[in-house]
Amino acid sequence: MKYLLILGMFLGFGTFAHVALAEDDADDDNAQRVERIFGRLDTNGDGLISREEAQKGPRMRRRFDIIDTDKDGFVSRAELKAFLDAHPRPKHTHRN
């Protein structure tokens, strides 16, 4: 019985560690997505995406007002990262 308890603890900790690592991977993935999006849309290189620049990205164009949380008319990297973190991509499952 004692061994089952210890085994259960290890399996439980492994699950929590896996979840924590998955969250770290999502953060890294979102940071990379932010850089790709800025590389494509920030055409004047000022570190911000203006409403005009956002017109080149259909998803950014549709969500601009939601992402621009300080309502200054620009999306910063921090605003975009916060939006991506709050709206994770759906997980795709493979079917056999």
Protein backbone atom coordinates (compact mmCIF):
# COMPACT_ATOMS: atom_id res chain seq x y z
CA MET A 1 0.00 0.00 0.00
CA LYS A 2 2.83 2.37 0.90
CA TYR A 3 4.40 1.75 -2.51
CA LEU A 4 1.15 2.56 -4.29
CA LEU A 5 0.95 5.85 -2.42
CA ILE A 6 4.51 6.75 -3.39
CA LEU A 7 3.90 5.72 -7.00
CA GLY A 8 0.73 7.82 -7.08
CA MET A 9 2.64 10.83 -5.76
CA PHE A 10 5.31 10.50 -8.46
CA LEU A 11 2.72 10.14 -11.18
CA GLY A 12 0.82 13.16 -9.88
CA PHE A 13 3.94 15.32 -9.71
CA GLY A 14 4.87 14.24 -13.21
CA THR A 15 1.47 15.38 -14.47
CA PHE A 16 1.84 18.79 -12.83
CA ALA A 17 5.35 19.16 -14.22
CA HIS A 18 4.07 18.30 -17.69
CA VAL A 19 1.34 20.94 -17.43
CA ALA A 20 3.86 23.56 -16.25
CA LEU A 21 6.20 22.71 -19.13
CA ALA A 22 3.31 22.93 -21.60
CA GLU A 23 2.47 26.41 -20.30
CA ASP A 24 6.12 27.46 -20.70
CA ASP A 25 6.05 26.13 -24.27
CA ALA A 26 2.90 28.16 -24.96
CA ASP A 27 4.61 31.31 -23.64
CA ASP A 28 7.62 30.67 -25.89
CA ASP A 29 5.34 29.93 -28.83
CA ASN A 30 3.39 33.16 -28.25
CA ALA A 31 6.61 35.19 -27.97
CA GLN A 32 7.69 33.77 -31.32
CA ARG A 33 4.27 34.50 -32.82
CA VAL A 34 4.52 38.12 -31.62
CA GLU A 35 7.88 38.50 -33.36
CA ARG A 36 6.58 36.93 -36.59
CA ILE A 37 3.51 39.19 -36.58
CA PHE A 38 5.56 42.31 -35.90
CA GLY A 39 8.06 41.30 -38.57
CA ARG A 40 5.23 41.14 -41.08
CA LEU A 41 3.06 44.08 -40.04
CA ASP A 42 5.33 46.71 -38.41
CA THR A 43 6.49 48.08 -41.75
CA ASN A 44 7.95 51.35 -40.42
CA GLY A 45 9.93 49.53 -37.71
CA ASP A 46 8.79 51.73 -34.83
CA GLY A 47 7.96 48.74 -32.59
CA LEU A 48 4.22 49.35 -32.80
CA ILE A 49 1.47 48.22 -35.15
CA SER A 50 -0.74 51.10 -36.18
CA ARG A 51 -4.32 50.67 -37.30
CA GLU A 52 -3.12 51.31 -40.87
CA GLU A 53 -0.40 48.64 -40.62
CA ALA A 54 -2.91 46.21 -39.09
CA GLN A 55 -5.01 46.37 -42.27
CA LYS A 56 -2.49 44.00 -43.93
CA GLY A 57 -3.35 41.23 -41.46
CA PRO A 58 -6.97 40.06 -41.60
CA ARG A 59 -7.00 38.70 -38.03
CA MET A 60 -5.17 41.74 -36.66
CA ARG A 61 -7.55 44.04 -38.52
CA ARG A 62 -10.61 42.30 -36.99
CA ARG A 63 -9.19 42.20 -33.45
CA PHE A 64 -7.28 45.50 -33.37
CA ASP A 65 -9.62 47.29 -30.96
CA ILE A 66 -9.60 44.34 -28.55
CA ILE A 67 -5.80 43.97 -28.60
CA ASP A 68 -5.16 47.74 -28.23
CA THR A 69 -6.03 47.73 -24.53
CA ASP A 70 -4.71 51.23 -23.77
CA LYS A 71 -6.67 52.63 -26.74
CA ASP A 72 -3.75 54.70 -28.04
CA GLY A 73 -4.29 53.57 -31.64
CA PHE A 74 -1.27 51.23 -31.64
CA VAL A 75 -0.65 47.62 -30.68
CA SER A 76 2.55 47.03 -28.74
CA ARG A 77 4.37 43.72 -28.38
CA ALA A 78 3.19 43.52 -24.76
CA GLU A 79 -0.46 44.04 -25.75
CA LEU A 80 -0.26 41.42 -28.48
CA LYS A 81 1.51 38.92 -26.19
CA ALA A 82 -1.13 39.45 -23.48
CA PHE A 83 -3.90 38.90 -26.03
CA LEU A 84 -2.30 35.70 -27.35
CA ASP A 85 -1.73 34.40 -23.82
CA ALA A 86 -5.37 35.08 -22.92
CA HIS A 87 -6.68 33.45 -26.12
CA PRO A 88 -4.76 30.20 -26.61
CA ARG A 89 -4.98 28.35 -29.88
CA PRO A 90 -7.31 25.36 -29.80
CA LYS A 91 -5.54 22.02 -29.53
CA HIS A 92 -5.89 19.89 -32.65
CA THR A 93 -6.35 16.19 -32.20
CA HIS A 94 -5.24 13.64 -34.72
CA ARG A 95 -7.76 11.01 -35.66
CA ASN A 96 -6.78 7.62 -37.01
